[in-house]
mmCIF file of all heavy atoms, coordinates in Angstrom:
data_MODEL
# 
_entry.id   MODEL 
# 
loop_
_atom_site.group_PDB 
_atom_site.id 
_atom_site.type_symbol 
_atom_site.label_atom_id 
_atom_site.label_alt_id 
_atom_site.label_comp_id 
_atom_site.label_asym_id 
_atom_site.label_entity_id 
_atom_site.label_seq_id 
_atom_site.pdbx_PDB_ins_code 
_atom_site.Cartn_x 
_atom_site.Cartn_y 
_atom_site.Cartn_z 
_atom_site.occupancy 
_atom_site.B_iso_or_equiv 
_atom_site.pdbx_formal_charge 
_atom_site.auth_seq_id 
_atom_site.auth_comp_id 
_atom_site.auth_asym_id 
_atom_site.auth_atom_id 
_atom_site.pdbx_PDB_model_num 
ATOM 1   N N   . VAL A 1 1  ? 16.616  8.578   7.274   1.00 0.00 ? 1  VAL A N   1 
ATOM 2   C CA  . VAL A 1 1  ? 16.257  7.128   7.509   1.00 0.00 ? 1  VAL A CA  1 
ATOM 3   C C   . VAL A 1 1  ? 14.783  7.093   8.196   1.00 0.00 ? 1  VAL A C   1 
ATOM 4   O O   . VAL A 1 1  ? 13.947  6.277   7.800   1.00 0.00 ? 1  VAL A O   1 
ATOM 5   C CB  . VAL A 1 1  ? 17.290  6.455   8.434   1.00 0.00 ? 1  VAL A CB  1 
ATOM 6   C CG1 . VAL A 1 1  ? 16.776  5.111   8.961   1.00 0.00 ? 1  VAL A CG1 1 
ATOM 7   C CG2 . VAL A 1 1  ? 18.601  6.303   7.703   1.00 0.00 ? 1  VAL A CG2 1 
ATOM 8   N N   . LEU A 1 2  ? 14.650  7.929   9.155   1.00 0.00 ? 2  LEU A N   1 
ATOM 9   C CA  . LEU A 1 2  ? 13.320  7.919   9.893   1.00 0.00 ? 2  LEU A CA  1 
ATOM 10  C C   . LEU A 1 2  ? 12.177  8.215   8.968   1.00 0.00 ? 2  LEU A C   1 
ATOM 11  O O   . LEU A 1 2  ? 11.219  7.519   8.887   1.00 0.00 ? 2  LEU A O   1 
ATOM 12  C CB  . LEU A 1 2  ? 13.360  8.981   10.965  1.00 0.00 ? 2  LEU A CB  1 
ATOM 13  C CG  . LEU A 1 2  ? 12.034  9.229   11.707  1.00 0.00 ? 2  LEU A CG  1 
ATOM 14  C CD1 . LEU A 1 2  ? 11.700  8.038   12.542  1.00 0.00 ? 2  LEU A CD1 1 
ATOM 15  C CD2 . LEU A 1 2  ? 12.211  10.436  12.654  1.00 0.00 ? 2  LEU A CD2 1 
ATOM 16  N N   . LYS A 1 3  ? 12.323  9.215   8.044   1.00 0.00 ? 3  LYS A N   1 
ATOM 17  C CA  . LYS A 1 3  ? 11.254  9.605   7.179   1.00 0.00 ? 3  LYS A CA  1 
ATOM 18  C C   . LYS A 1 3  ? 11.078  8.605   6.087   1.00 0.00 ? 3  LYS A C   1 
ATOM 19  O O   . LYS A 1 3  ? 10.003  8.274   5.601   1.00 0.00 ? 3  LYS A O   1 
ATOM 20  C CB  . LYS A 1 3  ? 11.565  11.017  6.562   1.00 0.00 ? 3  LYS A CB  1 
ATOM 21  C CG  . LYS A 1 3  ? 11.643  12.116  7.595   1.00 0.00 ? 3  LYS A CG  1 
ATOM 22  C CD  . LYS A 1 3  ? 10.247  12.345  8.305   1.00 0.00 ? 3  LYS A CD  1 
ATOM 23  C CE  . LYS A 1 3  ? 10.282  13.371  9.403   1.00 0.00 ? 3  LYS A CE  1 
ATOM 24  N NZ  . LYS A 1 3  ? 10.809  14.742  8.967   1.00 0.00 ? 3  LYS A NZ  1 
ATOM 25  N N   . ASN A 1 4  ? 12.188  7.934   5.703   1.00 0.00 ? 4  ASN A N   1 
ATOM 26  C CA  . ASN A 1 4  ? 12.149  6.981   4.621   1.00 0.00 ? 4  ASN A CA  1 
ATOM 27  C C   . ASN A 1 4  ? 11.381  5.765   5.065   1.00 0.00 ? 4  ASN A C   1 
ATOM 28  O O   . ASN A 1 4  ? 10.492  5.151   4.382   1.00 0.00 ? 4  ASN A O   1 
ATOM 29  C CB  . ASN A 1 4  ? 13.564  6.614   4.160   1.00 0.00 ? 4  ASN A CB  1 
ATOM 30  C CG  . ASN A 1 4  ? 13.514  5.656   2.916   1.00 0.00 ? 4  ASN A CG  1 
ATOM 31  O OD1 . ASN A 1 4  ? 12.980  5.957   1.847   1.00 0.00 ? 4  ASN A OD1 1 
ATOM 32  N ND2 . ASN A 1 4  ? 14.101  4.456   3.130   1.00 0.00 ? 4  ASN A ND2 1 
ATOM 33  N N   . ILE A 1 5  ? 11.658  5.211   6.311   1.00 0.00 ? 5  ILE A N   1 
ATOM 34  C CA  . ILE A 1 5  ? 11.015  4.092   6.828   1.00 0.00 ? 5  ILE A CA  1 
ATOM 35  C C   . ILE A 1 5  ? 9.484   4.355   7.007   1.00 0.00 ? 5  ILE A C   1 
ATOM 36  O O   . ILE A 1 5  ? 8.682   3.520   6.617   1.00 0.00 ? 5  ILE A O   1 
ATOM 37  C CB  . ILE A 1 5  ? 11.597  3.627   8.137   1.00 0.00 ? 5  ILE A CB  1 
ATOM 38  C CG1 . ILE A 1 5  ? 13.029  3.058   7.919   1.00 0.00 ? 5  ILE A CG1 1 
ATOM 39  C CG2 . ILE A 1 5  ? 10.733  2.636   8.891   1.00 0.00 ? 5  ILE A CG2 1 
ATOM 40  C CD1 . ILE A 1 5  ? 13.757  2.737   9.173   1.00 0.00 ? 5  ILE A CD1 1 
ATOM 41  N N   . GLU A 1 6  ? 9.211   5.510   7.498   1.00 0.00 ? 6  GLU A N   1 
ATOM 42  C CA  . GLU A 1 6  ? 7.755   5.915   7.663   1.00 0.00 ? 6  GLU A CA  1 
ATOM 43  C C   . GLU A 1 6  ? 7.104   5.997   6.272   1.00 0.00 ? 6  GLU A C   1 
ATOM 44  O O   . GLU A 1 6  ? 5.988   5.411   6.064   1.00 0.00 ? 6  GLU A O   1 
ATOM 45  C CB  . GLU A 1 6  ? 7.637   7.199   8.385   1.00 0.00 ? 6  GLU A CB  1 
ATOM 46  C CG  . GLU A 1 6  ? 6.299   7.678   8.623   1.00 0.00 ? 6  GLU A CG  1 
ATOM 47  C CD  . GLU A 1 6  ? 6.165   8.956   9.357   1.00 0.00 ? 6  GLU A CD  1 
ATOM 48  O OE1 . GLU A 1 6  ? 7.069   9.769   9.274   1.00 0.00 ? 6  GLU A OE1 1 
ATOM 49  O OE2 . GLU A 1 6  ? 5.079   9.198   9.961   1.00 0.00 ? 6  GLU A OE2 1 
ATOM 50  N N   . GLY A 1 7  ? 7.719   6.646   5.360   1.00 0.00 ? 7  GLY A N   1 
ATOM 51  C CA  . GLY A 1 7  ? 7.108   6.841   4.061   1.00 0.00 ? 7  GLY A CA  1 
ATOM 52  C C   . GLY A 1 7  ? 6.936   5.509   3.244   1.00 0.00 ? 7  GLY A C   1 
ATOM 53  O O   . GLY A 1 7  ? 5.881   5.321   2.636   1.00 0.00 ? 7  GLY A O   1 
ATOM 54  N N   . VAL A 1 8  ? 8.047   4.645   3.342   1.00 0.00 ? 8  VAL A N   1 
ATOM 55  C CA  . VAL A 1 8  ? 7.879   3.391   2.585   1.00 0.00 ? 8  VAL A CA  1 
ATOM 56  C C   . VAL A 1 8  ? 6.758   2.546   3.126   1.00 0.00 ? 8  VAL A C   1 
ATOM 57  O O   . VAL A 1 8  ? 5.941   1.887   2.396   1.00 0.00 ? 8  VAL A O   1 
ATOM 58  C CB  . VAL A 1 8  ? 9.325   2.619   2.633   1.00 0.00 ? 8  VAL A CB  1 
ATOM 59  C CG1 . VAL A 1 8  ? 9.066   1.160   2.206   1.00 0.00 ? 8  VAL A CG1 1 
ATOM 60  C CG2 . VAL A 1 8  ? 10.244  3.273   1.864   1.00 0.00 ? 8  VAL A CG2 1 
ATOM 61  N N   . GLY A 1 9  ? 6.630   2.515   4.452   1.00 0.00 ? 9  GLY A N   1 
ATOM 62  C CA  . GLY A 1 9  ? 5.564   1.735   5.107   1.00 0.00 ? 9  GLY A CA  1 
ATOM 63  C C   . GLY A 1 9  ? 4.229   2.220   4.715   1.00 0.00 ? 9  GLY A C   1 
ATOM 64  O O   . GLY A 1 9  ? 3.337   1.393   4.340   1.00 0.00 ? 9  GLY A O   1 
ATOM 65  N N   . MET A 1 10 ? 3.960   3.510   4.692   1.00 0.00 ? 10 MET A N   1 
ATOM 66  C CA  . MET A 1 10 ? 2.715   4.100   4.294   1.00 0.00 ? 10 MET A CA  1 
ATOM 67  C C   . MET A 1 10 ? 2.404   3.831   2.792   1.00 0.00 ? 10 MET A C   1 
ATOM 68  O O   . MET A 1 10 ? 1.292   3.511   2.377   1.00 0.00 ? 10 MET A O   1 
ATOM 69  C CB  . MET A 1 10 ? 2.685   5.612   4.574   1.00 0.00 ? 10 MET A CB  1 
ATOM 70  C CG  . MET A 1 10 ? 2.756   5.942   5.994   1.00 0.00 ? 10 MET A CG  1 
ATOM 71  S SD  . MET A 1 10 ? 2.951   7.737   6.345   1.00 0.00 ? 10 MET A SD  1 
ATOM 72  C CE  . MET A 1 10 ? 1.447   8.340   5.666   1.00 0.00 ? 10 MET A CE  1 
ATOM 73  N N   . SER A 1 11 ? 3.386   4.038   1.902   1.00 0.00 ? 11 SER A N   1 
ATOM 74  C CA  . SER A 1 11 ? 3.249   3.803   0.431   1.00 0.00 ? 11 SER A CA  1 
ATOM 75  C C   . SER A 1 11 ? 2.944   2.390   0.209   1.00 0.00 ? 11 SER A C   1 
ATOM 76  O O   . SER A 1 11 ? 2.196   2.071   -0.744  1.00 0.00 ? 11 SER A O   1 
ATOM 77  C CB  . SER A 1 11 ? 4.510   4.293   -0.258  1.00 0.00 ? 11 SER A CB  1 
ATOM 78  O OG  . SER A 1 11 ? 4.636   5.636   -0.068  1.00 0.00 ? 11 SER A OG  1 
ATOM 79  N N   . LEU A 1 12 ? 3.648   1.494   0.893   1.00 0.00 ? 12 LEU A N   1 
ATOM 80  C CA  . LEU A 1 12 ? 3.487   0.077   0.609   1.00 0.00 ? 12 LEU A CA  1 
ATOM 81  C C   . LEU A 1 12 ? 2.009   -0.381  0.940   1.00 0.00 ? 12 LEU A C   1 
ATOM 82  O O   . LEU A 1 12 ? 1.399   -1.116  0.210   1.00 0.00 ? 12 LEU A O   1 
ATOM 83  C CB  . LEU A 1 12 ? 4.470   -0.814  1.414   1.00 0.00 ? 12 LEU A CB  1 
ATOM 84  C CG  . LEU A 1 12 ? 4.434   -2.375  1.235   1.00 0.00 ? 12 LEU A CG  1 
ATOM 85  C CD1 . LEU A 1 12 ? 4.695   -2.656  -0.225  1.00 0.00 ? 12 LEU A CD1 1 
ATOM 86  C CD2 . LEU A 1 12 ? 5.457   -2.945  2.116   1.00 0.00 ? 12 LEU A CD2 1 
ATOM 87  N N   . MET A 1 13 ? 1.488   0.055   2.077   1.00 0.00 ? 13 MET A N   1 
ATOM 88  C CA  . MET A 1 13 ? 0.210   -0.250  2.517   1.00 0.00 ? 13 MET A CA  1 
ATOM 89  C C   . MET A 1 13 ? -0.842  0.345   1.552   1.00 0.00 ? 13 MET A C   1 
ATOM 90  O O   . MET A 1 13 ? -1.871  -0.327  1.285   1.00 0.00 ? 13 MET A O   1 
ATOM 91  C CB  . MET A 1 13 ? -0.058  0.133   3.920   1.00 0.00 ? 13 MET A CB  1 
ATOM 92  C CG  . MET A 1 13 ? 0.737   -0.519  4.989   1.00 0.00 ? 13 MET A CG  1 
ATOM 93  S SD  . MET A 1 13 ? 0.716   -2.379  4.912   1.00 0.00 ? 13 MET A SD  1 
ATOM 94  C CE  . MET A 1 13 ? -1.054  -2.601  5.286   1.00 0.00 ? 13 MET A CE  1 
ATOM 95  N N   . SER A 1 14 ? -0.596  1.521   1.109   1.00 0.00 ? 14 SER A N   1 
ATOM 96  C CA  . SER A 1 14 ? -1.481  2.221   0.154   1.00 0.00 ? 14 SER A CA  1 
ATOM 97  C C   . SER A 1 14 ? -1.534  1.403   -1.181  1.00 0.00 ? 14 SER A C   1 
ATOM 98  O O   . SER A 1 14 ? -2.594  1.227   -1.725  1.00 0.00 ? 14 SER A O   1 
ATOM 99  C CB  . SER A 1 14 ? -1.060  3.592   -0.105  1.00 0.00 ? 14 SER A CB  1 
ATOM 100 O OG  . SER A 1 14 ? -1.786  4.216   -1.074  1.00 0.00 ? 14 SER A OG  1 
ATOM 101 N N   . LEU A 1 15 ? -0.325  0.940   -1.656  1.00 0.00 ? 15 LEU A N   1 
ATOM 102 C CA  . LEU A 1 15 ? -0.305  0.172   -2.886  1.00 0.00 ? 15 LEU A CA  1 
ATOM 103 C C   . LEU A 1 15 ? -1.015  -1.178  -2.741  1.00 0.00 ? 15 LEU A C   1 
ATOM 104 O O   . LEU A 1 15 ? -1.781  -1.479  -3.718  1.00 0.00 ? 15 LEU A O   1 
ATOM 105 C CB  . LEU A 1 15 ? 1.180   -0.090  -3.257  1.00 0.00 ? 15 LEU A CB  1 
ATOM 106 C CG  . LEU A 1 15 ? 1.449   -0.896  -4.543  1.00 0.00 ? 15 LEU A CG  1 
ATOM 107 C CD1 . LEU A 1 15 ? 0.856   -0.192  -5.782  1.00 0.00 ? 15 LEU A CD1 1 
ATOM 108 C CD2 . LEU A 1 15 ? 2.932   -1.168  -4.690  1.00 0.00 ? 15 LEU A CD2 1 
ATOM 109 N N   . ILE A 1 16 ? -0.851  -1.772  -1.650  1.00 0.00 ? 16 ILE A N   1 
ATOM 110 C CA  . ILE A 1 16 ? -1.558  -3.127  -1.435  1.00 0.00 ? 16 ILE A CA  1 
ATOM 111 C C   . ILE A 1 16 ? -3.074  -2.871  -1.396  1.00 0.00 ? 16 ILE A C   1 
ATOM 112 O O   . ILE A 1 16 ? -3.786  -3.648  -2.004  1.00 0.00 ? 16 ILE A O   1 
ATOM 113 C CB  . ILE A 1 16 ? -1.078  -3.728  -0.129  1.00 0.00 ? 16 ILE A CB  1 
ATOM 114 C CG1 . ILE A 1 16 ? 0.418   -4.216  -0.237  1.00 0.00 ? 16 ILE A CG1 1 
ATOM 115 C CG2 . ILE A 1 16 ? -1.909  -4.937  0.209   1.00 0.00 ? 16 ILE A CG2 1 
ATOM 116 C CD1 . ILE A 1 16 ? 1.010   -4.694  0.990   1.00 0.00 ? 16 ILE A CD1 1 
ATOM 117 N N   . LYS A 1 17 ? -3.489  -1.855  -0.748  1.00 0.00 ? 17 LYS A N   1 
ATOM 118 C CA  . LYS A 1 17 ? -4.927  -1.444  -0.649  1.00 0.00 ? 17 LYS A CA  1 
ATOM 119 C C   . LYS A 1 17 ? -5.495  -1.263  -2.011  1.00 0.00 ? 17 LYS A C   1 
ATOM 120 O O   . LYS A 1 17 ? -6.619  -1.713  -2.363  1.00 0.00 ? 17 LYS A O   1 
ATOM 121 C CB  . LYS A 1 17 ? -5.183  -0.354  0.289   1.00 0.00 ? 17 LYS A CB  1 
ATOM 122 C CG  . LYS A 1 17 ? -6.603  0.042   0.506   1.00 0.00 ? 17 LYS A CG  1 
ATOM 123 C CD  . LYS A 1 17 ? -6.785  1.149   1.494   1.00 0.00 ? 17 LYS A CD  1 
ATOM 124 C CE  . LYS A 1 17 ? -8.229  1.489   1.671   1.00 0.00 ? 17 LYS A CE  1 
ATOM 125 N NZ  . LYS A 1 17 ? -8.385  2.624   2.636   1.00 0.00 ? 17 LYS A NZ  1 
ATOM 126 N N   . LYS A 1 18 ? -4.725  -0.511  -2.858  1.00 0.00 ? 18 LYS A N   1 
ATOM 127 C CA  . LYS A 1 18 ? -5.196  -0.230  -4.213  1.00 0.00 ? 18 LYS A CA  1 
ATOM 128 C C   . LYS A 1 18 ? -5.295  -1.454  -5.021  1.00 0.00 ? 18 LYS A C   1 
ATOM 129 O O   . LYS A 1 18 ? -6.303  -1.680  -5.813  1.00 0.00 ? 18 LYS A O   1 
ATOM 130 C CB  . LYS A 1 18 ? -4.199  0.801   -4.805  1.00 0.00 ? 18 LYS A CB  1 
ATOM 131 C CG  . LYS A 1 18 ? -4.562  1.248   -6.259  1.00 0.00 ? 18 LYS A CG  1 
ATOM 132 C CD  . LYS A 1 18 ? -3.577  2.241   -6.793  1.00 0.00 ? 18 LYS A CD  1 
ATOM 133 C CE  . LYS A 1 18 ? -3.924  2.756   -8.156  1.00 0.00 ? 18 LYS A CE  1 
ATOM 134 N NZ  . LYS A 1 18 ? -2.933  3.668   -8.717  1.00 0.00 ? 18 LYS A NZ  1 
ATOM 135 N N   . GLU A 1 19 ? -4.292  -2.344  -4.980  1.00 0.00 ? 19 GLU A N   1 
ATOM 136 C CA  . GLU A 1 19 ? -4.348  -3.578  -5.675  1.00 0.00 ? 19 GLU A CA  1 
ATOM 137 C C   . GLU A 1 19 ? -5.460  -4.526  -5.298  1.00 0.00 ? 19 GLU A C   1 
ATOM 138 O O   . GLU A 1 19 ? -6.083  -5.254  -6.069  1.00 0.00 ? 19 GLU A O   1 
ATOM 139 C CB  . GLU A 1 19 ? -3.011  -4.349  -5.609  1.00 0.00 ? 19 GLU A CB  1 
ATOM 140 C CG  . GLU A 1 19 ? -1.822  -3.601  -6.296  1.00 0.00 ? 19 GLU A CG  1 
ATOM 141 C CD  . GLU A 1 19 ? -2.059  -3.515  -7.776  1.00 0.00 ? 19 GLU A CD  1 
ATOM 142 O OE1 . GLU A 1 19 ? -2.526  -4.513  -8.411  1.00 0.00 ? 19 GLU A OE1 1 
ATOM 143 O OE2 . GLU A 1 19 ? -1.681  -2.530  -8.432  1.00 0.00 ? 19 GLU A OE2 1 
ATOM 144 N N   . MET A 1 20 ? -5.855  -4.473  -4.078  1.00 0.00 ? 20 MET A N   1 
ATOM 145 C CA  . MET A 1 20 ? -6.889  -5.409  -3.492  1.00 0.00 ? 20 MET A CA  1 
ATOM 146 C C   . MET A 1 20 ? -8.273  -4.936  -3.711  1.00 0.00 ? 20 MET A C   1 
ATOM 147 O O   . MET A 1 20 ? -9.280  -5.547  -3.366  1.00 0.00 ? 20 MET A O   1 
ATOM 148 C CB  . MET A 1 20 ? -6.567  -5.612  -2.014  1.00 0.00 ? 20 MET A CB  1 
ATOM 149 C CG  . MET A 1 20 ? -5.380  -6.428  -1.660  1.00 0.00 ? 20 MET A CG  1 
ATOM 150 S SD  . MET A 1 20 ? -5.023  -6.457  0.079   1.00 0.00 ? 20 MET A SD  1 
ATOM 151 C CE  . MET A 1 20 ? -6.456  -7.085  0.805   1.00 0.00 ? 20 MET A CE  1 
ATOM 152 N N   . THR A 1 21 ? -8.395  -3.734  -4.406  1.00 0.00 ? 21 THR A N   1 
ATOM 153 C CA  . THR A 1 21 ? -9.796  -3.270  -4.701  1.00 0.00 ? 21 THR A CA  1 
ATOM 154 C C   . THR A 1 21 ? -10.001 -3.071  -6.225  1.00 0.00 ? 21 THR A C   1 
ATOM 155 O O   . THR A 1 21 ? -10.936 -2.458  -6.604  1.00 0.00 ? 21 THR A O   1 
ATOM 156 C CB  . THR A 1 21 ? -9.926  -1.858  -4.000  1.00 0.00 ? 21 THR A CB  1 
ATOM 157 O OG1 . THR A 1 21 ? -8.950  -0.959  -4.430  1.00 0.00 ? 21 THR A OG1 1 
ATOM 158 C CG2 . THR A 1 21 ? -9.987  -2.064  -2.507  1.00 0.00 ? 21 THR A CG2 1 
ATOM 159 N N   . ARG A 1 22 ? -9.086  -3.669  -6.982  1.00 0.00 ? 22 ARG A N   1 
ATOM 160 C CA  . ARG A 1 22 ? -9.198  -3.474  -8.460  1.00 0.00 ? 22 ARG A CA  1 
ATOM 161 C C   . ARG A 1 22 ? -10.311 -4.351  -9.062  1.00 0.00 ? 22 ARG A C   1 
ATOM 162 O O   . ARG A 1 22 ? -10.867 -3.964  -10.123 1.00 0.00 ? 22 ARG A O   1 
ATOM 163 C CB  . ARG A 1 22 ? -7.860  -3.932  -9.070  1.00 0.00 ? 22 ARG A CB  1 
ATOM 164 C CG  . ARG A 1 22 ? -6.712  -2.891  -9.017  1.00 0.00 ? 22 ARG A CG  1 
ATOM 165 C CD  . ARG A 1 22 ? -5.502  -3.301  -9.824  1.00 0.00 ? 22 ARG A CD  1 
ATOM 166 N NE  . ARG A 1 22 ? -4.444  -2.348  -9.688  1.00 0.00 ? 22 ARG A NE  1 
ATOM 167 C CZ  . ARG A 1 22 ? -4.422  -1.223  -10.527 1.00 0.00 ? 22 ARG A CZ  1 
ATOM 168 N NH1 . ARG A 1 22 ? -5.304  -1.029  -11.398 1.00 0.00 ? 22 ARG A NH1 1 
ATOM 169 N NH2 . ARG A 1 22 ? -3.343  -0.364  -10.354 1.00 0.00 ? 22 ARG A NH2 1 
ATOM 170 N N   . SER A 1 23 ? -10.605 -5.488  -8.463  1.00 0.00 ? 23 SER A N   1 
ATOM 171 C CA  . SER A 1 23 ? -11.642 -6.301  -9.028  1.00 0.00 ? 23 SER A CA  1 
ATOM 172 C C   . SER A 1 23 ? -12.384 -7.070  -7.869  1.00 0.00 ? 23 SER A C   1 
ATOM 173 O O   . SER A 1 23 ? -11.937 -7.023  -6.734  1.00 0.00 ? 23 SER A O   1 
ATOM 174 C CB  . SER A 1 23 ? -11.035 -7.375  -9.956  1.00 0.00 ? 23 SER A CB  1 
ATOM 175 O OG  . SER A 1 23 ? -10.145 -8.228  -9.223  1.00 0.00 ? 23 SER A OG  1 
ATOM 176 N N   . LEU A 1 24 ? -13.440 -7.770  -8.246  1.00 0.00 ? 24 LEU A N   1 
ATOM 177 C CA  . LEU A 1 24 ? -14.236 -8.464  -7.283  1.00 0.00 ? 24 LEU A CA  1 
ATOM 178 C C   . LEU A 1 24 ? -13.333 -9.667  -6.695  1.00 0.00 ? 24 LEU A C   1 
ATOM 179 O O   . LEU A 1 24 ? -13.377 -9.950  -5.495  1.00 0.00 ? 24 LEU A O   1 
ATOM 180 C CB  . LEU A 1 24 ? -15.530 -9.105  -7.874  1.00 0.00 ? 24 LEU A CB  1 
ATOM 181 C CG  . LEU A 1 24 ? -16.390 -9.982  -6.967  1.00 0.00 ? 24 LEU A CG  1 
ATOM 182 C CD1 . LEU A 1 24 ? -16.829 -9.148  -5.723  1.00 0.00 ? 24 LEU A CD1 1 
ATOM 183 C CD2 . LEU A 1 24 ? -17.523 -10.511 -7.744  1.00 0.00 ? 24 LEU A CD2 1 
ATOM 184 N N   . TYR A 1 25 ? -12.603 -10.267 -7.607  1.00 0.00 ? 25 TYR A N   1 
ATOM 185 C CA  . TYR A 1 25 ? -11.713 -11.412 -7.139  1.00 0.00 ? 25 TYR A CA  1 
ATOM 186 C C   . TYR A 1 25 ? -10.720 -10.869 -6.170  1.00 0.00 ? 25 TYR A C   1 
ATOM 187 O O   . TYR A 1 25 ? -10.377 -11.399 -5.074  1.00 0.00 ? 25 TYR A O   1 
ATOM 188 C CB  . TYR A 1 25 ? -11.025 -11.936 -8.306  1.00 0.00 ? 25 TYR A CB  1 
ATOM 189 C CG  . TYR A 1 25 ? -9.963  -13.044 -7.959  1.00 0.00 ? 25 TYR A CG  1 
ATOM 190 C CD1 . TYR A 1 25 ? -10.321 -14.267 -7.525  1.00 0.00 ? 25 TYR A CD1 1 
ATOM 191 C CD2 . TYR A 1 25 ? -8.625  -12.702 -8.026  1.00 0.00 ? 25 TYR A CD2 1 
ATOM 192 C CE1 . TYR A 1 25 ? -9.427  -15.243 -7.163  1.00 0.00 ? 25 TYR A CE1 1 
ATOM 193 C CE2 . TYR A 1 25 ? -7.664  -13.652 -7.680  1.00 0.00 ? 25 TYR A CE2 1 
ATOM 194 C CZ  . TYR A 1 25 ? -8.016  -14.964 -7.204  1.00 0.00 ? 25 TYR A CZ  1 
ATOM 195 O OH  . TYR A 1 25 ? -7.115  -15.877 -6.916  1.00 0.00 ? 25 TYR A OH  1 
ATOM 196 N N   . ALA A 1 26 ? -10.097 -9.658  -6.461  1.00 0.00 ? 26 ALA A N   1 
ATOM 197 C CA  . ALA A 1 26 ? -9.109  -9.097  -5.509  1.00 0.00 ? 26 ALA A CA  1 
ATOM 198 C C   . ALA A 1 26 ? -9.691  -8.728  -4.248  1.00 0.00 ? 26 ALA A C   1 
ATOM 199 O O   . ALA A 1 26 ? -9.030  -8.878  -3.221  1.00 0.00 ? 26 ALA A O   1 
ATOM 200 C CB  . ALA A 1 26 ? -8.491  -7.837  -6.203  1.00 0.00 ? 26 ALA A CB  1 
ATOM 201 N N   . LYS A 1 27 ? -10.959 -8.249  -4.267  1.00 0.00 ? 27 LYS A N   1 
ATOM 202 C CA  . LYS A 1 27 ? -11.566 -7.924  -2.982  1.00 0.00 ? 27 LYS A CA  1 
ATOM 203 C C   . LYS A 1 27 ? -11.875 -9.151  -2.081  1.00 0.00 ? 27 LYS A C   1 
ATOM 204 O O   . LYS A 1 27 ? -11.633 -9.061  -0.850  1.00 0.00 ? 27 LYS A O   1 
ATOM 205 C CB  . LYS A 1 27 ? -12.913 -7.225  -3.275  1.00 0.00 ? 27 LYS A CB  1 
ATOM 206 C CG  . LYS A 1 27 ? -12.795 -5.857  -3.828  1.00 0.00 ? 27 LYS A CG  1 
ATOM 207 C CD  . LYS A 1 27 ? -14.138 -5.142  -4.161  1.00 0.00 ? 27 LYS A CD  1 
ATOM 208 C CE  . LYS A 1 27 ? -13.984 -3.773  -4.781  1.00 0.00 ? 27 LYS A CE  1 
ATOM 209 N NZ  . LYS A 1 27 ? -15.230 -3.152  -5.067  1.00 0.00 ? 27 LYS A NZ  1 
# 
């Protein structure tokens, strides 16, 4: 549970960051 919560949090923030840099509009 501990590792899953930590991993999901990190992966989610990484995914959001990736999506927000795809285009000028997203940035």
